[in-house]
Amino acid sequence: MAFAVRWLTYAEQQRDAVPIRARRDLVTLLDQLSTEPRERGVYDEDHDQWSATFGDLGMVLYTIDEHWATLTVLRVVWIGD
Protein backbone atom coordinates (compact mmCIF):
# COMPACT_ATOMS: atom_id res chain seq x y z
CA MET A 1 0.00 0.00 0.00
CA ALA A 2 1.31 3.46 -0.87
CA PHE A 3 1.16 6.12 1.81
CA ALA A 4 0.55 9.79 1.06
CA VAL A 5 3.20 12.04 2.59
CA ARG A 6 1.98 15.12 4.47
CA TRP A 7 4.24 17.80 5.92
CA LEU A 8 3.78 19.97 8.96
CA THR A 9 4.65 23.55 8.04
CA TYR A 10 7.62 23.56 10.41
CA ALA A 11 8.93 20.33 8.85
CA GLU A 12 8.62 21.85 5.36
CA GLN A 13 10.73 24.80 6.50
CA GLN A 14 13.33 22.44 7.94
CA ARG A 15 13.32 20.39 4.71
CA ASP A 16 13.92 23.51 2.66
CA ALA A 17 16.97 24.36 4.78
CA VAL A 18 18.64 21.00 4.10
CA PRO A 19 21.53 21.30 1.57
CA ILE A 20 20.69 20.17 -1.96
CA ARG A 21 23.02 17.15 -1.89
CA ALA A 22 21.43 15.90 1.34
CA ARG A 23 17.93 16.68 0.06
CA ARG A 24 18.41 14.00 -2.61
CA ASP A 25 18.97 11.46 0.17
CA LEU A 26 15.87 12.80 1.93
CA VAL A 27 13.77 12.37 -1.22
CA THR A 28 15.06 8.80 -1.61
CA LEU A 29 14.18 8.03 2.00
CA LEU A 30 10.68 9.47 1.62
CA ASP A 31 10.12 7.39 -1.51
CA GLN A 32 11.03 4.31 0.51
CA LEU A 33 8.91 5.35 3.49
CA SER A 34 5.88 6.02 1.33
CA THR A 35 5.76 2.33 0.38
CA GLU A 36 7.22 0.71 3.53
CA PRO A 37 7.13 3.21 6.42
CA ARG A 38 8.07 0.64 9.03
CA GLU A 39 10.96 -0.99 7.12
CA ARG A 40 13.40 1.93 7.45
CA GLY A 41 12.02 3.47 10.62
CA VAL A 42 12.47 2.94 14.32
CA TYR A 43 9.38 3.21 16.50
CA ASP A 44 9.39 5.28 19.71
CA GLU A 45 6.54 3.85 21.75
CA ASP A 46 6.72 6.59 24.41
CA HIS A 47 6.04 9.32 21.83
CA ASP A 48 4.08 7.22 19.32
CA GLN A 49 6.27 8.36 16.45
CA TRP A 50 8.85 6.95 14.06
CA SER A 51 12.32 8.10 13.06
CA ALA A 52 14.54 7.29 10.09
CA THR A 53 17.93 8.59 9.03
CA PHE A 54 19.05 9.97 5.67
CA GLY A 55 22.49 10.86 4.37
CA ASP A 56 25.23 10.94 6.96
CA LEU A 57 23.71 13.47 9.32
CA GLY A 58 19.96 13.67 8.81
CA MET A 59 16.85 12.38 10.58
CA VAL A 60 13.13 12.50 9.90
CA LEU A 61 10.47 12.15 12.60
CA TYR A 62 7.06 11.00 11.40
CA THR A 63 3.78 9.33 12.28
CA ILE A 64 1.87 6.66 10.39
CA ASP A 65 -1.90 6.63 10.00
CA GLU A 66 -2.96 3.26 8.61
CA HIS A 67 -6.63 4.19 8.31
CA TRP A 68 -5.91 7.13 5.99
CA ALA A 69 -2.71 5.61 4.53
CA THR A 70 -0.83 8.76 5.48
CA LEU A 71 2.70 9.39 6.67
CA THR A 72 3.01 12.79 8.39
CA VAL A 73 6.47 14.32 8.60
CA LEU A 74 6.82 16.09 11.94
CA ARG A 75 10.44 17.21 11.86
CA VAL A 76 13.50 17.12 9.63
CA VAL A 77 16.83 17.40 11.41
CA TRP A 78 20.10 18.05 9.59
CA ILE A 79 23.25 18.56 11.65
CA GLY A 80 25.70 18.75 8.77
CA ASP A 81 27.15 21.82 7.14
PDB file of N, CA and C in Angstrom:
ATOM      1  N   MET A   1       0.842  -1.174   0.000  1.00  0.00           N
ATOM      2  CA  MET A   1       0.000   0.000   0.000  1.00  0.00           C
ATOM      3  C   MET A   1       0.892   1.243   0.000  1.00  0.00           C
ATOM      4  N   ALA A   2       0.559   2.192  -0.822  1.00  0.00           N
ATOM      5  CA  ALA A   2       1.309   3.455  -0.870  1.00  0.00           C
ATOM      6  C   ALA A   2       0.708   4.437   0.130  1.00  0.00           C
ATOM      7  N   PHE A   3       1.576   5.123   0.838  1.00  0.00           N
ATOM      8  CA  PHE A   3       1.162   6.122   1.815  1.00  0.00           C
ATOM      9  C   PHE A   3       1.365   7.518   1.239  1.00  0.00           C
ATOM     10  N   ALA A   4       0.391   8.378   1.422  1.00  0.00           N
ATOM     11  CA  ALA A   4       0.551   9.788   1.062  1.00  0.00           C
ATOM     12  C   ALA A   4       1.466  10.425   2.100  1.00  0.00           C
ATOM     13  N   VAL A   5       2.293  11.350   1.671  1.00  0.00           N
ATOM     14  CA  VAL A   5       3.202  12.043   2.589  1.00  0.00           C
ATOM     15  C   VAL A   5       2.675  13.456   2.815  1.00  0.00           C
ATOM     16  N   ARG A   6       2.414  13.777   4.071  1.00  0.00           N
ATOM     17  CA  ARG A   6       1.979  15.117   4.471  1.00  0.00           C
ATOM     18  C   ARG A   6       3.108  15.756   5.268  1.00  0.00           C
ATOM     19  N   TRP A   7       3.181  17.070   5.211  1.00  0.00           N
ATOM     20  CA  TRP A   7       4.236  17.804   5.916  1.00  0.00           C
ATOM     21  C   TRP A   7       3.625  18.815   6.869  1.00  0.00           C
ATOM     22  N   LEU A   8       4.093  18.829   8.106  1.00  0.00           N
ATOM     23  CA  LEU A   8       3.780  19.965   8.965  1.00  0.00           C
ATOM     24  C   LEU A   8       4.552  21.161   8.413  1.00  0.00           C
ATOM     25  N   THR A   9       4.008  22.349   8.575  1.00  0.00           N
ATOM     26  CA  THR A   9       4.648  23.554   8.036  1.00  0.00           C
ATOM     27  C   THR A   9       6.080  23.685   8.532  1.00  0.00           C
ATOM     28  N   TYR A  10       6.283  23.446   9.830  1.00  0.00           N
ATOM     29  CA  TYR A  10       7.619  23.563  10.406  1.00  0.00           C
ATOM     30  C   TYR A  10       8.574  22.562   9.751  1.00  0.00           C
ATOM     31  N   ALA A  11       8.095  21.344   9.493  1.00  0.00           N
ATOM     32  CA  ALA A  11       8.930  20.327   8.853  1.00  0.00           C
ATOM     33  C   ALA A  11       9.274  20.728   7.414  1.00  0.00           C
ATOM     34  N   GLU A  12       8.332  21.358   6.720  1.00  0.00           N
ATOM     35  CA  GLU A  12       8.624  21.849   5.364  1.00  0.00           C
ATOM     36  C   GLU A  12       9.742  22.881   5.391  1.00  0.00           C
ATOM     37  N   GLN A  13       9.695  23.771   6.369  1.00  0.00           N
ATOM     38  CA  GLN A  13      10.734  24.798   6.501  1.00  0.00           C
ATOM     39  C   GLN A  13      12.080  24.157   6.791  1.00  0.00           C
ATOM     40  N   GLN A  14      12.085  23.150   7.644  1.00  0.00           N
ATOM     41  CA  GLN A  14      13.327  22.441   7.942  1.00  0.00           C
ATOM     42  C   GLN A  14      13.840  21.715   6.702  1.00  0.00           C
ATOM     43  N   ARG A  15      12.943  21.079   5.953  1.00  0.00           N
ATOM     44  CA  ARG A  15      13.323  20.389   4.712  1.00  0.00           C
ATOM     45  C   ARG A  15      13.986  21.357   3.740  1.00  0.00           C
ATOM     46  N   ASP A  16      13.404  22.532   3.608  1.00  0.00           N
ATOM     47  CA  ASP A  16      13.917  23.514   2.656  1.00  0.00           C
ATOM     48  C   ASP A  16      15.298  24.047   3.045  1.00  0.00           C
ATOM     49  N   ALA A  17      15.664  23.898   4.309  1.00  0.00           N
ATOM     50  CA  ALA A  17      16.972  24.357   4.784  1.00  0.00           C
ATOM     51  C   ALA A  17      18.065  23.292   4.623  1.00  0.00           C
ATOM     52  N   VAL A  18      17.671  22.076   4.289  1.00  0.00           N
ATOM     53  CA  VAL A  18      18.645  20.995   4.100  1.00  0.00           C
ATOM     54  C   VAL A  18      19.410  21.246   2.796  1.00  0.00           C
ATOM     55  N   PRO A  19      20.742  21.102   2.800  1.00  0.00           N
ATOM     56  CA  PRO A  19      21.527  21.301   1.575  1.00  0.00           C
ATOM     57  C   PRO A  19      21.033  20.400   0.438  1.00  0.00           C
ATOM     58  N   ILE A  20      21.186  20.884  -0.779  1.00  0.00           N
ATOM     59  CA  ILE A  20      20.688  20.165  -1.964  1.00  0.00           C
ATOM     60  C   ILE A  20      21.191  18.728  -2.018  1.00  0.00           C
ATOM     61  N   ARG A  21      22.475  18.511  -1.778  1.00  0.00           N
ATOM     62  CA  ARG A  21      23.024  17.153  -1.892  1.00  0.00           C
ATOM     63  C   ARG A  21      22.380  16.214  -0.876  1.00  0.00           C
ATOM     64  N   ALA A  22      22.075  16.718   0.318  1.00  0.00           N
ATOM     65  CA  ALA A  22      21.429  15.896   1.343  1.00  0.00           C
ATOM     66  C   ALA A  22      19.937  15.749   1.052  1.00  0.00           C
ATOM     67  N   ARG A  23      19.355  16.742   0.380  1.00  0.00           N
ATOM     68  CA  ARG A  23      17.931  16.677   0.059  1.00  0.00           C
ATOM     69  C   ARG A  23      17.643  15.515  -0.884  1.00  0.00           C
ATOM     70  N   ARG A  24      18.590  15.174  -1.743  1.00  0.00           N
ATOM     71  CA  ARG A  24      18.414  14.002  -2.608  1.00  0.00           C
ATOM     72  C   ARG A  24      18.258  12.729  -1.768  1.00  0.00           C
ATOM     73  N   ASP A  25      19.080  12.618  -0.727  1.00  0.00           N
ATOM     74  CA  ASP A  25      18.972  11.464   0.175  1.00  0.00           C
ATOM     75  C   ASP A  25      17.632  11.482   0.907  1.00  0.00           C
ATOM     76  N   LEU A  26      17.168  12.667   1.265  1.00  0.00           N
ATOM     77  CA  LEU A  26      15.873  12.802   1.934  1.00  0.00           C
ATOM     78  C   LEU A  26      14.743  12.357   1.005  1.00  0.00           C
ATOM     79  N   VAL A  27      14.795  12.764  -0.244  1.00  0.00           N
ATOM     80  CA  VAL A  27      13.772  12.371  -1.221  1.00  0.00           C
ATOM     81  C   VAL A  27      13.773  10.848  -1.404  1.00  0.00           C
ATOM     82  N   THR A  28      14.956  10.258  -1.487  1.00  0.00           N
ATOM     83  CA  THR A  28      15.063   8.801  -1.610  1.00  0.00           C
ATOM     84  C   THR A  28      14.445   8.110  -0.409  1.00  0.00           C
ATOM     85  N   LEU A  29      14.747   8.603   0.779  1.00  0.00           N
ATOM     86  CA  LEU A  29      14.180   8.034   2.001  1.00  0.00           C
ATOM     87  C   LEU A  29      12.660   8.135   1.978  1.00  0.00           C
ATOM     88  N   LEU A  30      12.131   9.294   1.631  1.00  0.00           N
ATOM     89  CA  LEU A  30      10.676   9.472   1.624  1.00  0.00           C
ATOM     90  C   LEU A  30      10.003   8.577   0.599  1.00  0.00           C
ATOM     91  N   ASP A  31      10.655   8.340  -0.531  1.00  0.00           N
ATOM     92  CA  ASP A  31      10.120   7.391  -1.506  1.00  0.00           C
ATOM     93  C   ASP A  31      10.012   5.998  -0.884  1.00  0.00           C
ATOM     94  N   GLN A  32      11.040   5.611  -0.144  1.00  0.00           N
ATOM     95  CA  GLN A  32      11.027   4.311   0.514  1.00  0.00           C
ATOM     96  C   GLN A  32       9.967   4.258   1.614  1.00  0.00           C
ATOM     97  N   LEU A  33       9.886   5.321   2.396  1.00  0.00           N
ATOM     98  CA  LEU A  33       8.915   5.351   3.494  1.00  0.00           C
ATOM     99  C   LEU A  33       7.477   5.354   2.985  1.00  0.00           C
ATOM    100  N   SER A  34       7.246   5.956   1.834  1.00  0.00           N
ATOM    101  CA  SER A  34       5.878   6.022   1.327  1.00  0.00           C
ATOM    102  C   SER A  34       5.335   4.647   0.926  1.00  0.00           C
ATOM    103  N   THR A  35       6.213   3.688   0.702  1.00  0.00           N
ATOM    104  CA  THR A  35       5.763   2.331   0.385  1.00  0.00           C
ATOM    105  C   THR A  35       5.924   1.367   1.562  1.00  0.00           C
ATOM    106  N   GLU A  36       6.952   1.579   2.374  1.00  0.00           N
ATOM    107  CA  GLU A  36       7.222   0.711   3.533  1.00  0.00           C
ATOM    108  C   GLU A  36       7.652   1.559   4.727  1.00  0.00           C
ATOM    109  N   PRO A  37       6.736   2.271   5.358  1.00  0.00           N
ATOM    110  CA  PRO A  37       7.129   3.214   6.419  1.00  0.00           C
ATOM    111  C   PRO A  37       7.762   2.574   7.648  1.00  0.00           C
ATOM    112  N   ARG A  38       7.511   1.302   7.858  1.00  0.00           N
ATOM    113  CA  ARG A  38       8.074   0.636   9.035  1.00  0.00           C
ATOM    114  C   ARG A  38       9.424  -0.021   8.756  1.00  0.00           C
ATOM    115  N   GLU A  39       9.718  -0.317   7.499  1.00  0.00           N
ATOM    116  CA  GLU A  39      10.964  -0.993   7.123  1.00  0.00           C
ATOM    117  C   GLU A  39      12.198  -0.202   7.523  1.00  0.00           C
ATOM    118  N   ARG A  40      12.222   1.087   7.217  1.00  0.00           N
ATOM    119  CA  ARG A  40      13.399   1.928   7.448  1.00  0.00           C
ATOM    120  C   ARG A  40      13.346   2.652   8.786  1.00  0.00           C
ATOM    121  N   GLY A  41      12.184   2.663   9.417  1.00  0.00           N
ATOM    122  CA  GLY A  41      12.015   3.471  10.620  1.00  0.00           C
ATOM    123  C   GLY A  41      12.208   2.702  11.909  1.00  0.00           C
ATOM    124  N   VAL A  42      12.375   3.472  12.966  1.00  0.00           N
ATOM    125  CA  VAL A  42      12.471   2.941  14.324  1.00  0.00           C
ATOM    126  C   VAL A  42      11.330   3.563  15.118  1.00  0.00           C
ATOM    127  N   TYR A  43      10.543   2.730  15.776  1.00  0.00           N
ATOM    128  CA  TYR A  43       9.377   3.209  16.498  1.00  0.00           C
ATOM    129  C   TYR A  43       9.727   3.621  17.922  1.00  0.00           C
ATOM    130  N   ASP A  44       9.235   4.786  18.339  1.00  0.00           N
ATOM    131  CA  ASP A  44       9.386   5.276  19.705  1.00  0.00           C
ATOM    132  C   ASP A  44       8.014   5.168  20.368  1.00  0.00           C
ATOM    133  N   GLU A  45       7.837   4.130  21.139  1.00  0.00           N
ATOM    134  CA  GLU A  45       6.543   3.854  21.753  1.00  0.00           C
ATOM    135  C   GLU A  45       6.119   4.952  22.724  1.00  0.00           C
ATOM    136  N   ASP A  46       7.055   5.542  23.440  1.00  0.00           N
ATOM    137  CA  ASP A  46       6.723   6.587  24.406  1.00  0.00           C
ATOM    138  C   ASP A  46       6.097   7.809  23.749  1.00  0.00           C
ATOM    139  N   HIS A  47       6.538   8.132  22.529  1.00  0.00           N
ATOM    140  CA  HIS A  47       6.038   9.322  21.834  1.00  0.00           C
ATOM    141  C   HIS A  47       5.127   8.980  20.653  1.00  0.00           C
ATOM    142  N   ASP A  48       4.922   7.694  20.413  1.00  0.00           N
ATOM    143  CA  ASP A  48       4.080   7.217  19.318  1.00  0.00           C
ATOM    144  C   ASP A  48       4.476   7.862  17.994  1.00  0.00           C
ATOM    145  N   GLN A  49       5.766   7.825  17.711  1.00  0.00           N
ATOM    146  CA  GLN A  49       6.268   8.358  16.448  1.00  0.00           C
ATOM    147  C   GLN A  49       7.434   7.503  15.967  1.00  0.00           C
ATOM    148  N   TRP A  50       7.796   7.704  14.716  1.00  0.00           N
ATOM    149  CA  TRP A  50       8.852   6.951  14.059  1.00  0.00           C
ATOM    150  C   TRP A  50       9.992   7.886  13.703  1.00  0.00           C
ATOM    151  N   SER A  51      11.174   7.323  13.541  1.00  0.00           N
ATOM    152  CA  SER A  51      12.320   8.098  13.056  1.00  0.00           C
ATOM    153  C   SER A  51      13.079   7.253  12.041  1.00  0.00           C
ATOM    154  N   ALA A  52      13.702   7.949  11.097  1.00  0.00           N
ATOM    155  CA  ALA A  52      14.540   7.294  10.092  1.00  0.00           C
ATOM    156  C   ALA A  52      15.639   8.270   9.719  1.00  0.00           C
ATOM    157  N   THR A  53      16.788   7.738   9.370  1.00  0.00           N
ATOM    158  CA  THR A  53      17.927   8.588   9.027  1.00  0.00           C
ATOM    159  C   THR A  53      18.090   8.689   7.519  1.00  0.00           C
ATOM    160  N   PHE A  54      18.711   9.792   7.087  1.00  0.00           N
ATOM    161  CA  PHE A  54      19.053   9.970   5.670  1.00  0.00           C
ATOM    162  C   PHE A  54      20.414  10.631   5.593  1.00  0.00           C
ATOM    163  N   GLY A  55      21.143  10.325   4.509  1.00  0.00           N
ATOM    164  CA  GLY A  55      22.491  10.858   4.374  1.00  0.00           C
ATOM    165  C   GLY A  55      23.337  10.450   5.568  1.00  0.00           C
ATOM    166  N   ASP A  56      24.355  11.232   5.821  1.00  0.00           N
ATOM    167  CA  ASP A  56      25.233  10.937   6.961  1.00  0.00           C
ATOM    168  C   ASP A  56      24.749  11.575   8.245  1.00  0.00           C
ATOM    169  N   LEU A  57      24.006  12.683   8.127  1.00  0.00           N
ATOM    170  CA  LEU A  57      23.714  13.471   9.323  1.00  0.00           C
ATOM    171  C   LEU A  57      22.270  13.965   9.388  1.00  0.00           C
ATOM    172  N   GLY A  58      21.340  13.217   8.821  1.00  0.00           N
ATOM    173  CA  GLY A  58      19.959  13.669   8.815  1.00  0.00           C
ATOM    174  C   GLY A  58      19.001  12.681   9.455  1.00  0.00           C
ATOM    175  N   MET A  59      17.874  13.209   9.965  1.00  0.00           N
ATOM    176  CA  MET A  59      16.849  12.377  10.578  1.00  0.00           C
ATOM    177  C   MET A  59      15.481  12.978  10.299  1.00  0.00           C
ATOM    178  N   VAL A  60      14.520  12.104  10.095  1.00  0.00           N
ATOM    179  CA  VAL A  60      13.129  12.500   9.904  1.00  0.00           C
ATOM    180  C   VAL A  60      12.317  11.867  11.021  1.00  0.00           C
ATOM    181  N   LEU A  61      11.432  12.657  11.632  1.00  0.00           N
ATOM    182  CA  LEU A  61      10.468  12.148  12.602  1.00  0.00           C
ATOM    183  C   LEU A  61       9.106  12.167  11.935  1.00  0.00           C
ATOM    184  N   TYR A  62       8.341  11.095  12.094  1.00  0.00           N
ATOM    185  CA  TYR A  62       7.063  11.004  11.398  1.00  0.00           C
ATOM    186  C   TYR A  62       6.083  10.098  12.142  1.00  0.00           C
ATOM    187  N   THR A  63       4.818  10.223  11.768  1.00  0.00           N
ATOM    188  CA  THR A  63       3.776   9.334  12.276  1.00  0.00           C
ATOM    189  C   THR A  63       3.167   8.591  11.090  1.00  0.00           C
ATOM    190  N   ILE A  64       2.531   7.477  11.403  1.00  0.00           N
ATOM    191  CA  ILE A  64       1.875   6.662  10.385  1.00  0.00           C
ATOM    192  C   ILE A  64       0.408   6.526  10.765  1.00  0.00           C
ATOM    193  N   ASP A  65      -0.470   6.824   9.815  1.00  0.00           N
ATOM    194  CA  ASP A  65      -1.904   6.631  10.003  1.00  0.00           C
ATOM    195  C   ASP A  65      -2.369   5.583   9.003  1.00  0.00           C
ATOM    196  N   GLU A  66      -2.562   4.379   9.482  1.00  0.00           N
ATOM    197  CA  GLU A  66      -2.960   3.259   8.613  1.00  0.00           C
ATOM    198  C   GLU A  66      -4.332   3.501   7.991  1.00  0.00           C
ATOM    199  N   HIS A  67      -5.253   4.008   8.792  1.00  0.00           N
ATOM    200  CA  HIS A  67      -6.628   4.194   8.310  1.00  0.00           C
ATOM    201  C   HIS A  67      -6.676   5.090   7.076  1.00  0.00           C
ATOM    202  N   TRP A  68      -5.925   6.181   7.101  1.00  0.00           N
ATOM    203  CA  TRP A  68      -5.907   7.129   5.992  1.00  0.00           C
ATOM    204  C   TRP A  68      -4.714   6.927   5.063  1.00  0.00           C
ATOM    205  N   ALA A  69      -3.909   5.903   5.329  1.00  0.00           N
ATOM    206  CA  ALA A  69      -2.714   5.609   4.526  1.00  0.00           C
ATOM    207  C   ALA A  69      -1.876   6.865   4.344  1.00  0.00           C
ATOM    208  N   THR A  70      -1.556   7.490   5.487  1.00  0.00           N
ATOM    209  CA  THR A  70      -0.825   8.762   5.480  1.00  0.00           C
ATOM    210  C   THR A  70       0.392   8.686   6.392  1.00  0.00           C
ATOM    211  N   LEU A  71       1.491   9.209   5.890  1.00  0.00           N
ATOM    212  CA  LEU A  71       2.703   9.385   6.674  1.00  0.00           C
ATOM    213  C   LEU A  71       2.845  10.899   6.864  1.00  0.00           C
ATOM    214  N   THR A  72       2.890  11.355   8.107  1.00  0.00           N
ATOM    215  CA  THR A  72       3.005  12.787   8.393  1.00  0.00           C
ATOM    216  C   THR A  72       4.404  13.087   8.906  1.00  0.00           C
ATOM    217  N   VAL A  73       5.121  13.934   8.194  1.00  0.00           N
ATOM    218  CA  VAL A  73       6.475  14.321   8.597  1.00  0.00           C
ATOM    219  C   VAL A  73       6.348  15.430   9.644  1.00  0.00           C
ATOM    220  N   LEU A  74       6.899  15.149  10.826  1.00  0.00           N
ATOM    221  CA  LEU A  74       6.823  16.094  11.943  1.00  0.00           C
ATOM    222  C   LEU A  74       8.031  17.019  12.008  1.00  0.00           C
ATOM    223  N   ARG A  75       9.203  16.448  11.766  1.00  0.00           N
ATOM    224  CA  ARG A  75      10.443  17.210  11.859  1.00  0.00           C
ATOM    225  C   ARG A  75      11.461  16.637  10.882  1.00  0.00           C
ATOM    226  N   VAL A  76      12.337  17.511  10.417  1.00  0.00           N
ATOM    227  CA  VAL A  76      13.501  17.118   9.632  1.00  0.00           C
ATOM    228  C   VAL A  76      14.702  17.752  10.333  1.00  0.00           C
ATOM    229  N   VAL A  77      15.652  16.908  10.708  1.00  0.00           N
ATOM    230  CA  VAL A  77      16.832  17.400  11.415  1.00  0.00           C
ATOM    231  C   VAL A  77      18.049  17.137  10.541  1.00  0.00           C
ATOM    232  N   TRP A  78      18.838  18.176  10.326  1.00  0.00           N
ATOM    233  CA  TRP A  78      20.096  18.049   9.589  1.00  0.00           C
ATOM    234  C   TRP A  78      21.178  18.725  10.414  1.00  0.00           C
ATOM    235  N   ILE A  79      22.210  17.963  10.817  1.00  0.00           N
ATOM    236  CA  ILE A  79      23.254  18.559  11.652  1.00  0.00           C
ATOM    237  C   ILE A  79      24.567  18.752  10.913  1.00  0.00           C
ATOM    238  N   GLY A  80      24.507  18.559   9.599  1.00  0.00           N
ATOM    239  CA  GLY A  80      25.698  18.748   8.775  1.00  0.00           C
ATOM    240  C   GLY A  80      25.910  20.222   8.433  1.00  0.00           C
ATOM    241  N   ASP A  81      26.833  20.453   7.538  1.00  0.00           N
ATOM    242  CA  ASP A  81      27.152  21.818   7.136  1.00  0.00           C
ATOM    243  C   ASP A  81      26.210  22.349   6.087  1.00  0.00           C
TER     244      ASP A  81
END
